[in-house]
Amino acid sequence: RNIVQTLRRLRPDVAHVQGQNFYAPAALASGLPTVISVHGMLAREARISDGRSRVLDRLSKRLRAQFNARFEAQSLRDASDLIINNPYVADTIRPYTQAAMHWLDNPIEDRFFDVVDDPAPGRLFFAGSMQPRKGVHVLIEAMRALEARGVAAQLRIAGPILDAGYDADVRRSVILAGLGDRVKFLGVIDDAALLQEYAHADLVVMASKEETSPMFLQQAMATGTPAVATDVGGVRYVIEDGNTGQLARPGDAASIATGVAEILCDRAIRRRFAGAARDAAESRFRARVVARRTLDVYASILSPTPPAIQ
């Protein structure tokens, strides 16, 4: 109610909502022209569970999921315009909405483009929350596979703990595998440290079970860091397999290890992927590029024949 009242008092030309949670139904209820950016599929992500999680974590997630699924369904049903960040989202939500869809990539801040690529040989980096959906346990298995192949690699993991049971299990697996000297948990790091991790990463890795358009991979591309990531959701619309990185089979540690080994063992491939990644990011993820396209969307909502925007 507060959101509706505030919007009606402000009377903006357009209300732009980030995500499908309770902000979206509120903006739609205001009666103002509204566009919703769909960043992830809340109902689909909520179904991902893992036996490593504690019972209370699973129950809490299930409860949040019920509310989010309700808000999401209402938002998709009532919206007239949606901003999607890749075709995967469009394919997924098309049965649930009549809204016009506008494809816009997420913007990446300019400071990521300013990072100087200075990789430490064999250094892998992952940034994301510790929860089953991110598949960090598969990255640990991939590290074991790399060690068995004689490929020297170190994995650095940054991000908050969203599932304590899962986090504890992953850390135990590192110790049991004898990888304590090759896997480092950084926890939550600040922006300066994050930029340094990208600068010194030989490549980034991601083993998620579900993703829409992960900012982690987009940031890596902006810094010129190649990626090996599981081919789930919209990842294939971010990473071009064989050009800006390698796509691996979901849940397959051996597939991830193969992609990592190919890049680490061939510096020419690494240089080619790095250059292609940065070029693609420049044309798609620069804030000024995304801002210009966002203004075009606003204009199309307000006018059947939008004027040219400088």
C-alpha atoms as a PDB file:
ATOM      1  CA  ARG A   1       0.000   0.000   0.000  1.00  0.00           C
ATOM      2  CA  ASN A   2       2.842   2.374   0.803  1.00  0.00           C
ATOM      3  CA  ILE A   3       4.427   1.763  -2.599  1.00  0.00           C
ATOM      4  CA  VAL A   4       1.142   2.379  -4.409  1.00  0.00           C
ATOM      5  CA  GLN A   5       0.508   5.591  -2.474  1.00  0.00           C
ATOM      6  CA  THR A   6       4.058   6.847  -3.053  1.00  0.00           C
ATOM      7  CA  LEU A   7       3.939   6.195  -6.786  1.00  0.00           C
ATOM      8  CA  ARG A   8       0.578   7.927  -7.128  1.00  0.00           C
ATOM      9  CA  ARG A   9       1.968  10.935  -5.277  1.00  0.00           C
ATOM     10  CA  LEU A  10       5.149  11.107  -7.386  1.00  0.00           C
ATOM     11  CA  ARG A  11       3.362  10.471 -10.703  1.00  0.00           C
ATOM     12  CA  PRO A  12       6.452   9.308 -12.652  1.00  0.00           C
ATOM     13  CA  ASP A  13       6.183   8.902 -16.414  1.00  0.00           C
ATOM     14  CA  VAL A  14       7.237   5.264 -16.039  1.00  0.00           C
ATOM     15  CA  ALA A  15       7.674   2.981 -13.039  1.00  0.00           C
ATOM     16  CA  HIS A  16      10.574   0.573 -13.643  1.00  0.00           C
ATOM     17  CA  VAL A  17      10.596  -2.412 -11.268  1.00  0.00           C
ATOM     18  CA  GLN A  18      13.576  -4.716 -10.711  1.00  0.00           C
ATOM     19  CA  GLY A  19      12.297  -8.264 -10.170  1.00  0.00           C
ATOM     20  CA  GLN A  20       8.949  -9.985  -9.781  1.00  0.00           C
ATOM     21  CA  ASN A  21       8.566  -9.881  -6.001  1.00  0.00           C
ATOM     22  CA  PHE A  22       6.071  -7.646  -4.114  1.00  0.00           C
ATOM     23  CA  TYR A  23       7.365  -4.411  -5.712  1.00  0.00           C
ATOM     24  CA  ALA A  24       5.965  -5.459  -9.086  1.00  0.00           C
ATOM     25  CA  PRO A  25       2.294  -6.020  -8.100  1.00  0.00           C
ATOM     26  CA  ALA A  26       2.434  -2.746  -6.146  1.00  0.00           C
ATOM     27  CA  ALA A  27       3.694  -0.764  -9.140  1.00  0.00           C
ATOM     28  CA  LEU A  28       1.091  -2.365 -11.388  1.00  0.00           C
ATOM     29  CA  ALA A  29      -1.653  -1.541  -8.889  1.00  0.00           C
ATOM     30  CA  SER A  30      -0.706   2.138  -9.039  1.00  0.00           C
ATOM     31  CA  GLY A  31      -2.191   2.361 -12.536  1.00  0.00           C
ATOM     32  CA  LEU A  32       0.953   4.080 -13.898  1.00  0.00           C
ATOM     33  CA  PRO A  33       2.862   2.916 -16.981  1.00  0.00           C
ATOM     34  CA  THR A  34       5.064   0.115 -15.595  1.00  0.00           C
ATOM     35  CA  VAL A  35       7.850  -2.075 -16.927  1.00  0.00           C
ATOM     36  CA  ILE A  36       9.269  -5.012 -14.956  1.00  0.00           C
ATOM     37  CA  SER A  37      12.807  -6.326 -15.362  1.00  0.00           C
ATOM     38  CA  VAL A  38      12.744 -10.111 -14.971  1.00  0.00           C
ATOM     39  CA  HIS A  39      16.141 -11.169 -13.611  1.00  0.00           C
ATOM     40  CA  GLY A  40      15.430 -14.766 -12.648  1.00  0.00           C
ATOM     41  CA  MET A  41      12.694 -17.347 -12.546  1.00  0.00           C
ATOM     42  CA  LEU A  42      11.698 -17.297  -8.878  1.00  0.00           C
ATOM     43  CA  ALA A  43       9.332 -20.268  -8.950  1.00  0.00           C
ATOM     44  CA  ARG A  44      11.818 -22.419 -10.871  1.00  0.00           C
ATOM     45  CA  GLU A  45      14.798 -21.510  -8.694  1.00  0.00           C
ATOM     46  CA  ALA A  46      12.796 -22.183  -5.547  1.00  0.00           C
ATOM     47  CA  ARG A  47      12.305 -25.832  -6.521  1.00  0.00           C
ATOM     48  CA  ILE A  48      16.039 -26.528  -6.309  1.00  0.00           C
ATOM     49  CA  SER A  49      16.828 -28.274  -3.023  1.00  0.00           C
ATOM     50  CA  ASP A  50      19.709 -30.326  -1.695  1.00  0.00           C
ATOM     51  CA  GLY A  51      20.105 -32.942   1.016  1.00  0.00           C
ATOM     52  CA  ARG A  52      23.156 -31.082   2.290  1.00  0.00           C
ATOM     53  CA  SER A  53      20.912 -28.266   3.512  1.00  0.00           C
ATOM     54  CA  ARG A  54      19.655 -28.193   7.075  1.00  0.00           C
ATOM     55  CA  VAL A  55      15.975 -28.892   7.664  1.00  0.00           C
ATOM     56  CA  LEU A  56      15.247 -25.322   8.786  1.00  0.00           C
ATOM     57  CA  ASP A  57      17.009 -23.934   5.715  1.00  0.00           C
ATOM     58  CA  ARG A  58      14.869 -26.104   3.457  1.00  0.00           C
ATOM     59  CA  LEU A  59      11.650 -25.127   5.255  1.00  0.00           C
ATOM     60  CA  SER A  60      12.539 -21.423   5.163  1.00  0.00           C
ATOM     61  CA  LYS A  61      13.318 -21.602   1.466  1.00  0.00           C
ATOM     62  CA  ARG A  62      10.043 -23.391   0.772  1.00  0.00           C
ATOM     63  CA  LEU A  63       8.055 -20.713   2.617  1.00  0.00           C
ATOM     64  CA  ARG A  64       9.796 -17.846   0.802  1.00  0.00           C
ATOM     65  CA  ALA A  65       9.277 -19.682  -2.457  1.00  0.00           C
ATOM     66  CA  GLN A  66       5.508 -19.829  -1.950  1.00  0.00           C
ATOM     67  CA  PHE A  67       5.292 -16.059  -1.538  1.00  0.00           C
ATOM     68  CA  ASN A  68       7.681 -15.343  -4.407  1.00  0.00           C
ATOM     69  CA  ALA A  69       5.828 -17.703  -6.749  1.00  0.00           C
ATOM     70  CA  ARG A  70       2.570 -15.928  -5.952  1.00  0.00           C
ATOM     71  CA  PHE A  71       4.044 -12.480  -6.609  1.00  0.00           C
ATOM     72  CA  GLU A  72       5.725 -13.713  -9.784  1.00  0.00           C
ATOM     73  CA  ALA A  73       2.559 -15.244 -11.211  1.00  0.00           C
ATOM     74  CA  GLN A  74       0.579 -12.077 -10.493  1.00  0.00           C
ATOM     75  CA  SER A  75       3.262  -9.864 -12.018  1.00  0.00           C
ATOM     76  CA  LEU A  76       3.508 -11.890 -15.215  1.00  0.00           C
ATOM     77  CA  ARG A  77      -0.273 -12.047 -15.565  1.00  0.00           C
ATOM     78  CA  ASP A  78      -0.890  -8.318 -15.117  1.00  0.00           C
ATOM     79  CA  ALA A  79       2.179  -6.773 -16.777  1.00  0.00           C
ATOM     80  CA  SER A  80       2.000  -5.009 -20.132  1.00  0.00           C
ATOM     81  CA  ASP A  81       5.765  -4.682 -20.655  1.00  0.00           C
ATOM     82  CA  LEU A  82       8.656  -6.827 -19.450  1.00  0.00           C
ATOM     83  CA  ILE A  83      12.396  -6.382 -19.815  1.00  0.00           C
ATOM     84  CA  ILE A  84      14.131  -9.732 -20.201  1.00  0.00           C
ATOM     85  CA  ASN A  85      17.877 -10.295 -20.177  1.00  0.00           C
ATOM     86  CA  ASN A  86      17.979 -13.177 -22.658  1.00  0.00           C
ATOM     87  CA  PRO A  87      15.734 -15.417 -24.794  1.00  0.00           C
ATOM     88  CA  TYR A  88      15.732 -18.157 -22.133  1.00  0.00           C
ATOM     89  CA  VAL A  89      13.536 -15.932 -19.981  1.00  0.00           C
ATOM     90  CA  ALA A  90      11.164 -15.268 -22.873  1.00  0.00           C
ATOM     91  CA  ASP A  91      10.787 -18.981 -23.626  1.00  0.00           C
ATOM     92  CA  THR A  92      10.149 -19.765 -19.959  1.00  0.00           C
ATOM     93  CA  ILE A  93       7.517 -17.121 -19.206  1.00  0.00           C
ATOM     94  CA  ARG A  94       5.722 -16.948 -22.553  1.00  0.00           C
ATOM     95  CA  PRO A  95       2.901 -19.324 -21.436  1.00  0.00           C
ATOM     96  CA  TYR A  96       2.201 -17.121 -18.396  1.00  0.00           C
ATOM     97  CA  THR A  97       2.062 -13.604 -19.820  1.00  0.00           C
ATOM     98  CA  GLN A  98       0.674 -11.515 -22.642  1.00  0.00           C
ATOM     99  CA  ALA A  99       3.176  -8.722 -22.022  1.00  0.00           C
ATOM    100  CA  ALA A 100       5.444  -7.248 -24.670  1.00  0.00           C
ATOM    101  CA  MET A 101       9.040  -8.394 -24.060  1.00  0.00           C
ATOM    102  CA  HIS A 102      12.103  -6.200 -24.544  1.00  0.00           C
ATOM    103  CA  TRP A 103      15.546  -7.870 -24.534  1.00  0.00           C
ATOM    104  CA  LEU A 104      18.128  -5.816 -22.625  1.00  0.00           C
ATOM    105  CA  ASP A 105      21.364  -7.148 -21.148  1.00  0.00           C
ATOM    106  CA  ASN A 106      22.233  -6.258 -17.570  1.00  0.00           C
ATOM    107  CA  PRO A 107      24.713  -3.349 -17.408  1.00  0.00           C
ATOM    108  CA  ILE A 108      28.192  -3.776 -15.936  1.00  0.00           C
ATOM    109  CA  GLU A 109      29.894  -0.875 -14.184  1.00  0.00           C
ATOM    110  CA  ASP A 110      32.724   0.811 -16.062  1.00  0.00           C
ATOM    111  CA  ARG A 111      35.321  -0.068 -13.431  1.00  0.00           C
ATOM    112  CA  PHE A 112      35.197  -3.720 -14.476  1.00  0.00           C
ATOM    113  CA  PHE A 113      36.205  -2.729 -18.005  1.00  0.00           C
ATOM    114  CA  ASP A 114      39.192  -0.870 -16.545  1.00  0.00           C
ATOM    115  CA  VAL A 115      40.670  -4.000 -14.944  1.00  0.00           C
ATOM    116  CA  VAL A 116      44.087  -4.927 -16.372  1.00  0.00           C
ATOM    117  CA  ASP A 117      44.236  -8.647 -17.114  1.00  0.00           C
ATOM    118  CA  ASP A 118      47.166 -10.059 -15.117  1.00  0.00           C
ATOM    119  CA  PRO A 119      46.399 -13.751 -14.609  1.00  0.00           C
ATOM    120  CA  ALA A 120      48.188 -15.975 -12.128  1.00  0.00           C
ATOM    121  CA  PRO A 121      48.735 -19.327 -13.902  1.00  0.00           C
ATOM    122  CA  GLY A 122      46.198 -21.941 -12.869  1.00  0.00           C
ATOM    123  CA  ARG A 123      44.154 -19.605 -10.665  1.00  0.00           C
ATOM    124  CA  LEU A 124      40.396 -20.225 -10.851  1.00  0.00           C
ATOM    125  CA  PHE A 125      37.787 -17.911  -9.367  1.00  0.00           C
ATOM    126  CA  PHE A 126      34.126 -18.240  -8.483  1.00  0.00           C
ATOM    127  CA  ALA A 127      31.941 -15.537  -6.926  1.00  0.00           C
ATOM    128  CA  GLY A 128      28.464 -16.397  -5.734  1.00  0.00           C
ATOM    129  CA  SER A 129      26.427 -17.376  -2.733  1.00  0.00           C
ATOM    130  CA  MET A 130      26.950 -20.664  -0.939  1.00  0.00           C
ATOM    131  CA  GLN A 131      23.702 -22.490  -1.686  1.00  0.00           C
ATOM    132  CA  PRO A 132      22.752 -25.663  -3.608  1.00  0.00           C
ATOM    133  CA  ARG A 133      21.690 -23.794  -6.769  1.00  0.00           C
ATOM    134  CA  LYS A 134      25.252 -22.575  -7.322  1.00  0.00           C
ATOM    135  CA  GLY A 135      26.686 -26.111  -7.434  1.00  0.00           C
ATOM    136  CA  VAL A 136      29.924 -25.303  -5.605  1.00  0.00           C
ATOM    137  CA  HIS A 137      30.254 -28.967  -4.609  1.00  0.00           C
ATOM    138  CA  VAL A 138      30.619 -29.790  -8.325  1.00  0.00           C
ATOM    139  CA  LEU A 139      33.528 -27.330  -8.567  1.00  0.00           C
ATOM    140  CA  ILE A 140      35.241 -29.218  -5.729  1.00  0.00           C
ATOM    141  CA  GLU A 141      34.767 -32.474  -7.641  1.00  0.00           C
ATOM    142  CA  ALA A 142      36.218 -30.802 -10.726  1.00  0.00           C
ATOM    143  CA  MET A 143      39.271 -29.787  -8.696  1.00  0.00           C
ATOM    144  CA  ARG A 144      39.768 -33.437  -7.760  1.00  0.00           C
ATOM    145  CA  ALA A 145      39.511 -34.389 -11.430  1.00  0.00           C
ATOM    146  CA  LEU A 146      42.097 -31.762 -12.395  1.00  0.00           C
ATOM    147  CA  GLU A 147      44.475 -33.027  -9.728  1.00  0.00           C
ATOM    148  CA  ALA A 148      44.072 -36.589 -11.021  1.00  0.00           C
ATOM    149  CA  ARG A 149      45.001 -35.344 -14.510  1.00  0.00           C
ATOM    150  CA  GLY A 150      48.082 -33.575 -13.186  1.00  0.00           C
ATOM    151  CA  VAL A 151      46.738 -30.106 -14.023  1.00  0.00           C
ATOM    152  CA  ALA A 152      47.926 -27.544 -11.484  1.00  0.00           C
ATOM    153  CA  ALA A 153      45.032 -25.331 -10.377  1.00  0.00           C
ATOM    154  CA  GLN A 154      43.895 -23.322  -7.368  1.00  0.00           C
ATOM    155  CA  LEU A 155      40.274 -22.385  -6.717  1.00  0.00           C
ATOM    156  CA  ARG A 156      39.225 -19.217  -4.877  1.00  0.00           C
ATOM    157  CA  ILE A 157      35.585 -18.893  -3.785  1.00  0.00           C
ATOM    158  CA  ALA A 158      33.987 -15.584  -2.764  1.00  0.00           C
ATOM    159  CA  GLY A 159      30.471 -14.920  -1.563  1.00  0.00           C
ATOM    160  CA  PRO A 160      28.026 -15.008   1.328  1.00  0.00           C
ATOM    161  CA  ILE A 161      26.699 -18.128   3.040  1.00  0.00           C
ATOM    162  CA  LEU A 162      22.978 -18.460   2.326  1.00  0.00           C
ATOM    163  CA  ASP A 163      22.732 -22.131   3.350  1.00  0.00           C
ATOM    164  CA  ALA A 164      24.855 -23.048   6.368  1.00  0.00           C
ATOM    165  CA  GLY A 165      24.338 -26.791   6.002  1.00  0.00           C
ATOM    166  CA  TYR A 166      25.395 -26.782   2.385  1.00  0.00           C
ATOM    167  CA  ASP A 167      28.413 -24.587   3.139  1.00  0.00           C
ATOM    168  CA  ALA A 168      29.577 -26.911   5.929  1.00  0.00           C
ATOM    169  CA  ASP A 169      29.250 -29.962   3.685  1.00  0.00           C
ATOM    170  CA  VAL A 170      31.250 -28.335   0.887  1.00  0.00           C
ATOM    171  CA  ARG A 171      34.023 -27.380   3.291  1.00  0.00           C
ATOM    172  CA  ARG A 172      34.133 -30.941   4.654  1.00  0.00           C
ATOM    173  CA  SER A 173      34.468 -32.297   1.117  1.00  0.00           C
ATOM    174  CA  VAL A 174      37.473 -30.052   0.527  1.00  0.00           C
ATOM    175  CA  ILE A 175      39.235 -31.457   3.599  1.00  0.00           C
ATOM    176  CA  LEU A 176      38.313 -35.066   2.820  1.00  0.00           C
ATOM    177  CA  ALA A 177      39.612 -34.659  -0.746  1.00  0.00           C
ATOM    178  CA  GLY A 178      42.928 -33.299   0.534  1.00  0.00           C
ATOM    179  CA  LEU A 179      42.394 -30.024  -1.311  1.00  0.00           C
ATOM    180  CA  GLY A 180      42.837 -27.710   1.648  1.00  0.00           C
ATOM    181  CA  ASP A 181      45.890 -26.070   0.082  1.00  0.00           C
ATOM    182  CA  ARG A 182      44.200 -25.671  -3.325  1.00  0.00           C
ATOM    183  CA  VAL A 183      40.771 -24.316  -2.388  1.00  0.00           C
ATOM    184  CA  LYS A 184      40.372 -21.054  -0.495  1.00  0.00           C
ATOM    185  CA  PHE A 185      37.101 -19.641   0.843  1.00  0.00           C
ATOM    186  CA  LEU A 186      37.259 -15.842   0.817  1.00  0.00           C
ATOM    187  CA  GLY A 187      33.818 -15.105   2.222  1.00  0.00           C
ATOM    188  CA  VAL A 188      32.257 -11.728   1.422  1.00  0.00           C
ATOM    189  CA  ILE A 189      34.791  -9.401  -0.187  1.00  0.00           C
ATOM    190  CA  ASP A 190      34.594  -5.697  -1.018  1.00  0.00           C
ATOM    191  CA  ASP A 191      34.572  -4.188  -4.512  1.00  0.00           C
ATOM    192  CA  ALA A 192      38.316  -3.515  -4.597  1.00  0.00           C
ATOM    193  CA  ALA A 193      39.102  -7.110  -3.658  1.00  0.00           C
ATOM    194  CA  LEU A 194      36.614  -8.386  -6.225  1.00  0.00           C
ATOM    195  CA  LEU A 195      38.317  -6.433  -8.996  1.00  0.00           C
ATOM    196  CA  GLN A 196      41.683  -7.836  -7.907  1.00  0.00           C
ATOM    197  CA  GLU A 197      40.322 -11.378  -8.030  1.00  0.00           C
ATOM    198  CA  TYR A 198      39.180 -10.859 -11.614  1.00  0.00           C
ATOM    199  CA  ALA A 199      42.502  -9.275 -12.550  1.00  0.00           C
ATOM    200  CA  HIS A 200      44.506 -12.257 -11.300  1.00  0.00           C
ATOM    201  CA  ALA A 201      42.143 -15.063 -12.313  1.00  0.00           C
ATOM    202  CA  ASP A 202      43.366 -17.266 -15.151  1.00  0.00           C
ATOM    203  CA  LEU A 203      39.714 -18.086 -15.725  1.00  0.00           C
ATOM    204  CA  VAL A 204      36.414 -18.105 -13.862  1.00  0.00           C
ATOM    205  CA  VAL A 205      34.333 -21.207 -13.226  1.00  0.00           C
ATOM    206  CA  MET A 206      30.651 -21.739 -12.465  1.00  0.00           C
ATOM    207  CA  ALA A 207      28.714 -24.980 -11.911  1.00  0.00           C
ATOM    208  CA  SER A 208      25.200 -23.664 -11.270  1.00  0.00           C
ATOM    209  CA  LYS A 209      22.086 -25.804 -11.608  1.00  0.00           C
ATOM    210  CA  GLU A 210      19.964 -22.840 -12.731  1.00  0.00           C
ATOM    211  CA  GLU A 211      20.867 -19.337 -13.919  1.00  0.00           C
ATOM    212  CA  THR A 212      19.213 -16.626 -15.961  1.00  0.00           C
ATOM    213  CA  SER A 213      21.933 -14.134 -16.864  1.00  0.00           C
ATOM    214  CA  PRO A 214      24.604 -14.293 -14.143  1.00  0.00           C
ATOM    215  CA  MET A 215      26.319 -10.985 -13.402  1.00  0.00           C
ATOM    216  CA  PHE A 216      29.384 -12.967 -12.343  1.00  0.00           C
ATOM    217  CA  LEU A 217      29.976 -14.122 -15.913  1.00  0.00           C
ATOM    218  CA  GLN A 218      29.217 -10.697 -17.370  1.00  0.00           C
ATOM    219  CA  GLN A 219      31.699  -9.051 -15.003  1.00  0.00           C
ATOM    220  CA  ALA A 220      34.318 -11.632 -15.949  1.00  0.00           C
ATOM    221  CA  MET A 221      33.789 -10.892 -19.632  1.00  0.00           C
ATOM    222  CA  ALA A 222      34.177  -7.156 -19.003  1.00  0.00           C
ATOM    223  CA  THR A 223      37.539  -7.812 -17.342  1.00  0.00           C
ATOM    224  CA  GLY A 224      38.636 -10.061 -20.202  1.00  0.00           C
ATOM    225  CA  THR A 225      38.565 -13.268 -18.156  1.00  0.00           C
ATOM    226  CA  PRO A 226      37.489 -16.480 -19.946  1.00  0.00           C
ATOM    227  CA  ALA A 227      34.896 -18.723 -18.305  1.00  0.00           C
ATOM    228  CA  VAL A 228      33.988 -22.372 -17.979  1.00  0.00           C
ATOM    229  CA  ALA A 229      30.337 -22.603 -16.960  1.00  0.00           C
ATOM    230  CA  THR A 230      27.545 -25.139 -16.966  1.00  0.00           C
ATOM    231  CA  ASP A 231      25.115 -24.899 -19.860  1.00  0.00           C
ATOM    232  CA  VAL A 232      21.985 -24.152 -17.844  1.00  0.00           C
ATOM    233  CA  GLY A 233      19.182 -21.621 -18.297  1.00  0.00           C
ATOM    234  CA  GLY A 234      20.387 -18.505 -20.073  1.00  0.00           C
ATOM    235  CA  VAL A 235      24.139 -19.079 -19.667  1.00  0.00           C
ATOM    236  CA  ARG A 236      24.540 -19.931 -23.350  1.00  0.00           C
ATOM    237  CA  TYR A 237      23.285 -16.427 -24.188  1.00  0.00           C
ATOM    238  CA  VAL A 238      26.088 -14.931 -22.097  1.00  0.00           C
ATOM    239  CA  ILE A 239      29.016 -17.252 -22.852  1.00  0.00           C
ATOM    240  CA  GLU A 240      29.519 -18.179 -26.489  1.00  0.00           C
ATOM    241  CA  ASP A 241      30.865 -21.725 -26.408  1.00  0.00           C
ATOM    242  CA  GLY A 242      34.274 -21.956 -28.039  1.00  0.00           C
ATOM    243  CA  ASN A 243      34.613 -18.189 -28.428  1.00  0.00           C
ATOM    244  CA  THR A 244      34.366 -16.375 -25.085  1.00  0.00           C
ATOM    245  CA  GLY A 245      34.608 -19.519 -22.963  1.00  0.00           C
ATOM    246  CA  GLN A 246      33.543 -23.133 -22.638  1.00  0.00           C
ATOM    247  CA  LEU A 247      30.157 -24.589 -21.730  1.00  0.00           C
ATOM    248  CA  ALA A 248      30.082 -27.752 -19.635  1.00  0.00           C
ATOM    249  CA  ARG A 249      27.387 -30.321 -18.960  1.00  0.00           C
ATOM    250  CA  PRO A 250      25.315 -29.518 -15.845  1.00  0.00           C
ATOM    251  CA  GLY A 251      26.335 -31.484 -12.783  1.00  0.00           C
ATOM    252  CA  ASP A 252      29.287 -33.045 -14.634  1.00  0.00           C
ATOM    253  CA  ALA A 253      32.551 -32.314 -12.830  1.00  0.00           C
ATOM    254  CA  ALA A 254      34.570 -34.145 -15.492  1.00  0.00           C
ATOM    255  CA  SER A 255      33.104 -31.909 -18.208  1.00  0.00           C
ATOM    256  CA  ILE A 256      34.061 -28.802 -16.232  1.00  0.00           C
ATOM    257  CA  ALA A 257      37.566 -30.164 -15.620  1.00  0.00           C
ATOM    258  CA  THR A 258      38.009 -30.845 -19.341  1.00  0.00           C
ATOM    259  CA  GLY A 259      37.069 -27.270 -20.245  1.00  0.00           C
ATOM    260  CA  VAL A 260      39.363 -25.842 -17.571  1.00  0.00           C
ATOM    261  CA  ALA A 261      42.289 -28.041 -18.599  1.00  0.00           C
ATOM    262  CA  GLU A 262      41.953 -27.053 -22.263  1.00  0.00           C
ATOM    263  CA  ILE A 263      42.243 -23.372 -21.441  1.00  0.00           C
ATOM    264  CA  LEU A 264      44.940 -23.668 -18.769  1.00  0.00           C
ATOM    265  CA  CYS A 265      47.140 -25.837 -20.972  1.00  0.00           C
ATOM    266  CA  ASP A 266      46.912 -23.701 -24.118  1.00  0.00           C
ATOM    267  CA  ARG A 267      47.784 -20.035 -23.626  1.00  0.00           C
ATOM    268  CA  ALA A 268      46.793 -19.168 -27.199  1.00  0.00           C
ATOM    269  CA  ILE A 269      43.234 -20.331 -26.503  1.00  0.00           C
ATOM    270  CA  ARG A 270      43.203 -18.355 -23.269  1.00  0.00           C
ATOM    271  CA  ARG A 271      44.314 -15.160 -25.049  1.00  0.00           C
ATOM    272  CA  ARG A 272      41.749 -15.632 -27.821  1.00  0.00           C
ATOM    273  CA  PHE A 273      38.897 -16.228 -25.380  1.00  0.00           C
ATOM    274  CA  ALA A 274      39.947 -13.243 -23.247  1.00  0.00           C
ATOM    275  CA  GLY A 275      39.946 -10.833 -26.200  1.00  0.00           C
ATOM    276  CA  ALA A 276      36.625 -12.099 -27.532  1.00  0.00           C
ATOM    277  CA  ALA A 277      35.033 -11.873 -24.081  1.00  0.00           C
ATOM    278  CA  ARG A 278      36.041  -8.250 -23.592  1.00  0.00           C
ATOM    279  CA  ASP A 279      34.899  -7.272 -27.113  1.00  0.00           C
ATOM    280  CA  ALA A 280      31.494  -8.895 -26.562  1.00  0.00           C
ATOM    281  CA  ALA A 281      31.108  -7.164 -23.194  1.00  0.00           C
ATOM    282  CA  GLU A 282      31.919  -3.771 -24.730  1.00  0.00           C
ATOM    283  CA  SER A 283      29.131  -4.082 -27.272  1.00  0.00           C
ATOM    284  CA  ARG A 284      26.533  -5.530 -24.891  1.00  0.00           C
ATOM    285  CA  PHE A 285      27.174  -4.665 -21.244  1.00  0.00           C
ATOM    286  CA  ARG A 286      28.549  -1.114 -21.188  1.00  0.00           C
ATOM    287  CA  ALA A 287      26.263   0.994 -18.998  1.00  0.00           C
ATOM    288  CA  ARG A 288      25.856   3.714 -21.631  1.00  0.00           C
ATOM    289  CA  VAL A 289      24.788   1.101 -24.208  1.00  0.00           C
ATOM    290  CA  VAL A 290      22.202  -0.455 -21.892  1.00  0.00           C
ATOM    291  CA  ALA A 291      20.983   2.986 -20.751  1.00  0.00           C
ATOM    292  CA  ARG A 292      20.332   4.058 -24.335  1.00  0.00           C
ATOM    293  CA  ARG A 293      18.360   0.891 -25.012  1.00  0.00           C
ATOM    294  CA  THR A 294      16.425   1.306 -21.759  1.00  0.00           C
ATOM    295  CA  LEU A 295      15.352   4.803 -22.801  1.00  0.00           C
ATOM    296  CA  ASP A 296      14.128   3.302 -26.063  1.00  0.00           C
ATOM    297  CA  VAL A 297      11.940   0.906 -24.060  1.00  0.00           C
ATOM    298  CA  TYR A 298      10.497   3.774 -21.986  1.00  0.00           C
ATOM    299  CA  ALA A 299       9.732   5.697 -25.163  1.00  0.00           C
ATOM    300  CA  SER A 300       7.984   2.689 -26.729  1.00  0.00           C
ATOM    301  CA  ILE A 301       5.784   2.359 -23.645  1.00  0.00           C
ATOM    302  CA  LEU A 302       4.790   6.045 -23.694  1.00  0.00           C
ATOM    303  CA  SER A 303       4.373   6.463 -27.437  1.00  0.00           C
ATOM    304  CA  PRO A 304       3.300   4.106 -30.249  1.00  0.00           C
ATOM    305  CA  THR A 305       5.950   5.729 -32.458  1.00  0.00           C
ATOM    306  CA  PRO A 306       8.834   6.576 -30.106  1.00  0.00           C
ATOM    307  CA  PRO A 307      11.015   9.536 -31.038  1.00  0.00           C
ATOM    308  CA  ALA A 308      14.692   9.133 -31.768  1.00  0.00           C
ATOM    309  CA  ILE A 309      16.703   9.318 -28.550  1.00  0.00           C
ATOM    310  CA  GLN A 310      20.128  10.886 -28.578  1.00  0.00           C
END
